[in-house]
Each structure stands twice: as C-alpha cells, then as structure tokens.
Amino acid sequence: MKHNVEISKNVPEPIKKVNMELMEAYEKLLITIQKTQGWLEHEYLRTSVYSKMTEKEGCVSTMHQCSTPWCLLSLGCDTTGHFSIIYSLDARIESMIGRQFTETFLRRIHEFATGKASTRVFLGKLNEDCIGIFEQLKKDAEYENFHKVTIQEMHNLD
C-alpha cells in the first residue's frame, strides 16, 4: 500500500504550490513549539516525539507528526494529493504552558498558513488527551525507529 504523498508528485502546479506553503507552515509551527518549550521549566513539557509516519506500515495519510503533552501537530496528504495540517490541543494546555503561550501558538497556526493554504488547516480536537497519546508514542519510540524523542533545552537567560 503506497502512501498518499506519492499522489502529490503528480498534482497540478497550483496544488504543489499550496502543498509547499503547508510544508513551510508546518516547519515554522515546529519551531514555534520548540521556542515555546524552551521557556517551560518542566522537562516533561519540553519533550516531543517527532514521527516520520511515511515509514509506518499501513499509514497512508499522515506524513509527519509532532506530539507533546500539550499539543499534537501533523502534516498529512489525502487521496487527491492535497496536503493539510491538523492540530489538536490538550484540554489542560493553559495550565501546562500558560495562556500567553497558548494564544501565541494559536495565532501562529493562522499566521503561517495564509491564502489557499489556510483552507487546508484543520482543528482535530480542542480537548484531546495529548498526554495519553504522547505517552503511548514515547513507548512506541522504544521499538519503532520512525519516532524520535527529543527534549528541548531551556533558553539561557544570561
């Protein structure tokens, strides 16, 4: 079974352009997550699982995924070759990272995906159990090499 990303190689140029914009928006959102994590005191909240889902047997739509205790972010490709970004937030996000970081993250999602790309950004869930998913992926990373667990260093204030 081939991954949908193979279909994206043969789509018209306007769709390829939007797909590239979504890929760039996803990368910028990963940086936003990392920068946010650098301000968080607890190592647990600074931990992420990055998954290259194109390597997972049977996975045909999700290409990349970033999981933290407070959010899930994924870049996918549907059966027509269109990319999309899906994000979910843990119901406890504000208590974990604070209101300001939560609001900044939400703003960045919509700032980075503009124009036609903005129509391909979807909210998964506002009350996802991100901790449960994050914990499971951390366990999966022990035996599935397409997951990578990283801990963001705290920003140095000196």
C-alpha atoms as a PDB file:
ATOM      1  CA  MET A   1       0.000   0.000   0.000  1.00  0.00           C
ATOM      2  CA  LYS A   2       1.527   3.293  -1.108  1.00  0.00           C
ATOM      3  CA  HIS A   3       1.430   6.456   0.938  1.00  0.00           C
ATOM      4  CA  ASN A   4      -0.763   9.275  -0.405  1.00  0.00           C
ATOM      5  CA  VAL A   5       2.317  11.514  -0.659  1.00  0.00           C
ATOM      6  CA  GLU A   6       3.152   9.614  -3.859  1.00  0.00           C
ATOM      7  CA  ILE A   7      -0.022  11.059  -5.420  1.00  0.00           C
ATOM      8  CA  SER A   8       1.135  14.597  -4.576  1.00  0.00           C
ATOM      9  CA  LYS A   9       4.036  14.274  -7.033  1.00  0.00           C
ATOM     10  CA  ASN A  10       1.586  14.325  -9.947  1.00  0.00           C
ATOM     11  CA  VAL A  11      -0.803  17.116  -8.952  1.00  0.00           C
ATOM     12  CA  PRO A  12      -1.102  20.385 -10.915  1.00  0.00           C
ATOM     13  CA  GLU A  13       1.344  23.210 -10.119  1.00  0.00           C
ATOM     14  CA  PRO A  14      -1.189  25.325  -8.131  1.00  0.00           C
ATOM     15  CA  ILE A  15      -1.738  22.397  -5.733  1.00  0.00           C
ATOM     16  CA  LYS A  16       2.028  21.783  -5.496  1.00  0.00           C
ATOM     17  CA  LYS A  17       2.432  25.445  -4.540  1.00  0.00           C
ATOM     18  CA  VAL A  18      -0.159  25.201  -1.749  1.00  0.00           C
ATOM     19  CA  ASN A  19       1.425  21.929  -0.580  1.00  0.00           C
ATOM     20  CA  MET A  20       4.823  23.664  -0.335  1.00  0.00           C
ATOM     21  CA  GLU A  21       3.241  26.516   1.646  1.00  0.00           C
ATOM     22  CA  LEU A  22       1.718  23.992   4.043  1.00  0.00           C
ATOM     23  CA  MET A  23       5.044  22.182   4.412  1.00  0.00           C
ATOM     24  CA  GLU A  24       6.720  25.505   5.259  1.00  0.00           C
ATOM     25  CA  ALA A  25       3.920  26.417   7.700  1.00  0.00           C
ATOM     26  CA  TYR A  26       4.332  23.032   9.404  1.00  0.00           C
ATOM     27  CA  GLU A  27       8.087  23.584   9.756  1.00  0.00           C
ATOM     28  CA  LYS A  28       7.517  27.073  11.221  1.00  0.00           C
ATOM     29  CA  LEU A  29       4.996  25.639  13.684  1.00  0.00           C
ATOM     30  CA  LEU A  30       7.570  23.072  14.803  1.00  0.00           C
ATOM     31  CA  ILE A  31       9.946  25.962  15.505  1.00  0.00           C
ATOM     32  CA  THR A  32       7.171  27.727  17.444  1.00  0.00           C
ATOM     33  CA  ILE A  33       6.657  24.602  19.566  1.00  0.00           C
ATOM     34  CA  GLN A  34      10.405  24.345  20.215  1.00  0.00           C
ATOM     35  CA  LYS A  35      10.700  28.038  21.140  1.00  0.00           C
ATOM     36  CA  THR A  36       7.730  27.729  23.483  1.00  0.00           C
ATOM     37  CA  GLN A  37       9.199  24.626  25.080  1.00  0.00           C
ATOM     38  CA  GLY A  38      12.451  26.494  25.708  1.00  0.00           C
ATOM     39  CA  TRP A  39      10.599  28.754  28.153  1.00  0.00           C
ATOM     40  CA  LEU A  40       8.984  25.910  30.092  1.00  0.00           C
ATOM     41  CA  GLU A  41      10.559  24.877  33.367  1.00  0.00           C
ATOM     42  CA  HIS A  42       9.480  21.241  33.465  1.00  0.00           C
ATOM     43  CA  GLU A  43      11.468  18.864  31.262  1.00  0.00           C
ATOM     44  CA  TYR A  44       8.323  16.796  30.647  1.00  0.00           C
ATOM     45  CA  LEU A  45       6.648  19.748  28.903  1.00  0.00           C
ATOM     46  CA  ARG A  46       9.812  20.347  26.860  1.00  0.00           C
ATOM     47  CA  THR A  47       9.731  16.791  25.495  1.00  0.00           C
ATOM     48  CA  SER A  48       8.429  15.999  21.993  1.00  0.00           C
ATOM     49  CA  VAL A  49       8.001  12.891  19.892  1.00  0.00           C
ATOM     50  CA  TYR A  50       8.671  13.508  16.197  1.00  0.00           C
ATOM     51  CA  SER A  51       7.270  10.808  13.948  1.00  0.00           C
ATOM     52  CA  LYS A  52       8.030  10.230  10.280  1.00  0.00           C
ATOM     53  CA  MET A  53       4.754   8.482   9.558  1.00  0.00           C
ATOM     54  CA  THR A  54       5.575   7.723   5.923  1.00  0.00           C
ATOM     55  CA  GLU A  55       7.710   4.906   7.366  1.00  0.00           C
ATOM     56  CA  LYS A  56       4.873   3.402   9.422  1.00  0.00           C
ATOM     57  CA  GLU A  57       3.365   0.268   7.920  1.00  0.00           C
ATOM     58  CA  GLY A  58      -0.231   0.848   6.864  1.00  0.00           C
ATOM     59  CA  CYS A  59      -0.203   4.621   7.397  1.00  0.00           C
ATOM     60  CA  VAL A  60      -1.260   6.266   4.142  1.00  0.00           C
ATOM     61  CA  SER A  61      -2.264   9.830   5.040  1.00  0.00           C
ATOM     62  CA  THR A  62      -0.124  11.257   7.872  1.00  0.00           C
ATOM     63  CA  MET A  63       3.377  12.218   6.734  1.00  0.00           C
ATOM     64  CA  HIS A  64       4.882  13.902   9.810  1.00  0.00           C
ATOM     65  CA  GLN A  65       3.680  14.334  13.350  1.00  0.00           C
ATOM     66  CA  CYS A  66       4.893  16.192  16.422  1.00  0.00           C
ATOM     67  CA  SER A  67       3.434  15.167  19.767  1.00  0.00           C
ATOM     68  CA  THR A  68       3.900  16.980  23.070  1.00  0.00           C
ATOM     69  CA  PRO A  69       1.961  16.670  26.324  1.00  0.00           C
ATOM     70  CA  TRP A  70       0.041  19.814  25.343  1.00  0.00           C
ATOM     71  CA  CYS A  71      -0.455  19.605  21.560  1.00  0.00           C
ATOM     72  CA  LEU A  72      -0.430  17.332  18.544  1.00  0.00           C
ATOM     73  CA  LEU A  73       0.538  18.655  15.140  1.00  0.00           C
ATOM     74  CA  SER A  74       0.545  16.692  11.920  1.00  0.00           C
ATOM     75  CA  LEU A  75       1.131  17.182   8.231  1.00  0.00           C
ATOM     76  CA  GLY A  76      -0.843  14.855   6.014  1.00  0.00           C
ATOM     77  CA  CYS A  77      -1.752  14.134   2.418  1.00  0.00           C
ATOM     78  CA  ASP A  78      -5.174  12.989   1.231  1.00  0.00           C
ATOM     79  CA  THR A  79      -6.101  10.676  -1.646  1.00  0.00           C
ATOM     80  CA  THR A  80      -6.175  13.634  -4.064  1.00  0.00           C
ATOM     81  CA  GLY A  81      -2.595  14.713  -3.278  1.00  0.00           C
ATOM     82  CA  HIS A  82      -3.576  17.751  -1.192  1.00  0.00           C
ATOM     83  CA  PHE A  83      -1.560  18.378   1.979  1.00  0.00           C
ATOM     84  CA  SER A  84      -3.168  19.528   5.220  1.00  0.00           C
ATOM     85  CA  ILE A  85      -2.162  20.480   8.739  1.00  0.00           C
ATOM     86  CA  ILE A  86      -4.191  19.118  11.629  1.00  0.00           C
ATOM     87  CA  TYR A  87      -3.672  20.279  15.201  1.00  0.00           C
ATOM     88  CA  SER A  88      -5.196  19.219  18.494  1.00  0.00           C
ATOM     89  CA  LEU A  89      -4.786  20.830  21.890  1.00  0.00           C
ATOM     90  CA  ASP A  90      -4.933  19.189  25.276  1.00  0.00           C
ATOM     91  CA  ALA A  91      -7.833  20.428  27.410  1.00  0.00           C
ATOM     92  CA  ARG A  92      -5.239  21.366  30.084  1.00  0.00           C
ATOM     93  CA  ILE A  93      -2.958  23.332  27.729  1.00  0.00           C
ATOM     94  CA  GLU A  94      -3.299  26.651  29.560  1.00  0.00           C
ATOM     95  CA  SER A  95      -2.400  25.100  32.909  1.00  0.00           C
ATOM     96  CA  MET A  96       0.623  23.432  31.286  1.00  0.00           C
ATOM     97  CA  ILE A  97       2.116  26.252  29.198  1.00  0.00           C
ATOM     98  CA  GLY A  98       0.124  29.342  30.226  1.00  0.00           C
ATOM     99  CA  ARG A  99      -2.433  31.480  28.444  1.00  0.00           C
ATOM    100  CA  GLN A 100       0.101  33.677  26.617  1.00  0.00           C
ATOM    101  CA  PHE A 101       1.951  30.741  25.016  1.00  0.00           C
ATOM    102  CA  THR A 102      -1.367  29.063  24.162  1.00  0.00           C
ATOM    103  CA  GLU A 103      -2.674  32.195  22.440  1.00  0.00           C
ATOM    104  CA  THR A 104       0.624  32.739  20.622  1.00  0.00           C
ATOM    105  CA  PHE A 105       0.614  29.163  19.328  1.00  0.00           C
ATOM    106  CA  LEU A 106      -2.946  29.521  18.020  1.00  0.00           C
ATOM    107  CA  ARG A 107      -2.109  32.834  16.344  1.00  0.00           C
ATOM    108  CA  ARG A 108       0.955  31.335  14.662  1.00  0.00           C
ATOM    109  CA  ILE A 109      -1.106  28.498  13.175  1.00  0.00           C
ATOM    110  CA  HIS A 110      -3.191  31.034  11.306  1.00  0.00           C
ATOM    111  CA  GLU A 111      -0.335  33.448  10.551  1.00  0.00           C
ATOM    112  CA  PHE A 112       1.845  30.790   8.932  1.00  0.00           C
ATOM    113  CA  ALA A 113      -0.873  29.262   6.744  1.00  0.00           C
ATOM    114  CA  THR A 114      -2.310  32.051   4.613  1.00  0.00           C
ATOM    115  CA  GLY A 115      -4.249  32.313   1.357  1.00  0.00           C
ATOM    116  CA  LYS A 116      -5.344  28.994  -0.135  1.00  0.00           C
ATOM    117  CA  ALA A 117      -3.176  27.138   2.391  1.00  0.00           C
ATOM    118  CA  SER A 118      -5.380  28.447   5.220  1.00  0.00           C
ATOM    119  CA  THR A 119      -8.266  26.336   3.916  1.00  0.00           C
ATOM    120  CA  ARG A 120      -6.152  23.208   4.497  1.00  0.00           C
ATOM    121  CA  VAL A 121      -5.559  23.761   8.226  1.00  0.00           C
ATOM    122  CA  PHE A 122      -7.921  21.829  10.463  1.00  0.00           C
ATOM    123  CA  LEU A 123      -8.620  21.611  14.155  1.00  0.00           C
ATOM    124  CA  GLY A 124      -8.587  18.000  15.276  1.00  0.00           C
ATOM    125  CA  LYS A 125      -9.799  18.452  18.855  1.00  0.00           C
ATOM    126  CA  LEU A 126      -9.683  21.219  21.443  1.00  0.00           C
ATOM    127  CA  ASN A 127      -9.902  18.732  24.298  1.00  0.00           C
ATOM    128  CA  GLU A 128      -7.663  15.919  23.081  1.00  0.00           C
ATOM    129  CA  ASP A 129      -5.875  13.777  25.649  1.00  0.00           C
ATOM    130  CA  CYS A 130      -2.486  14.790  24.292  1.00  0.00           C
ATOM    131  CA  ILE A 131      -0.723  13.382  27.361  1.00  0.00           C
ATOM    132  CA  GLY A 132      -2.120   9.898  26.718  1.00  0.00           C
ATOM    133  CA  ILE A 133      -1.134   9.961  23.042  1.00  0.00           C
ATOM    134  CA  PHE A 134       2.283  11.456  23.880  1.00  0.00           C
ATOM    135  CA  GLU A 135       2.951   8.744  26.496  1.00  0.00           C
ATOM    136  CA  GLN A 136       1.985   5.980  24.058  1.00  0.00           C
ATOM    137  CA  LEU A 137       4.233   7.400  21.327  1.00  0.00           C
ATOM    138  CA  LYS A 138       7.149   7.631  23.780  1.00  0.00           C
ATOM    139  CA  LYS A 139       6.687   3.911  24.481  1.00  0.00           C
ATOM    140  CA  ASP A 140       6.370   3.167  20.749  1.00  0.00           C
ATOM    141  CA  ALA A 141       9.650   5.033  20.149  1.00  0.00           C
ATOM    142  CA  GLU A 142      11.450   2.321  22.115  1.00  0.00           C
ATOM    143  CA  TYR A 143      10.817  -0.195  19.318  1.00  0.00           C
ATOM    144  CA  GLU A 144       9.708   1.851  16.277  1.00  0.00           C
ATOM    145  CA  ASN A 145      12.624   3.797  14.801  1.00  0.00           C
ATOM    146  CA  PHE A 146      10.471   6.291  12.886  1.00  0.00           C
ATOM    147  CA  HIS A 147       9.692   8.036  16.211  1.00  0.00           C
ATOM    148  CA  LYS A 148      12.316  10.289  17.772  1.00  0.00           C
ATOM    149  CA  VAL A 149      12.023  11.613  21.329  1.00  0.00           C
ATOM    150  CA  THR A 150      13.712  14.960  21.961  1.00  0.00           C
ATOM    151  CA  ILE A 151      13.971  17.288  24.938  1.00  0.00           C
ATOM    152  CA  GLN A 152      14.208  20.983  24.145  1.00  0.00           C
ATOM    153  CA  GLU A 153      16.904  22.825  26.085  1.00  0.00           C
ATOM    154  CA  MET A 154      15.695  25.699  28.252  1.00  0.00           C
ATOM    155  CA  HIS A 155      16.534  29.166  26.976  1.00  0.00           C
ATOM    156  CA  ASN A 156      19.545  30.656  28.694  1.00  0.00           C
ATOM    157  CA  LEU A 157      18.567  33.954  30.287  1.00  0.00           C
ATOM    158  CA  ASP A 158      22.137  35.104  30.933  1.00  0.00           C
END
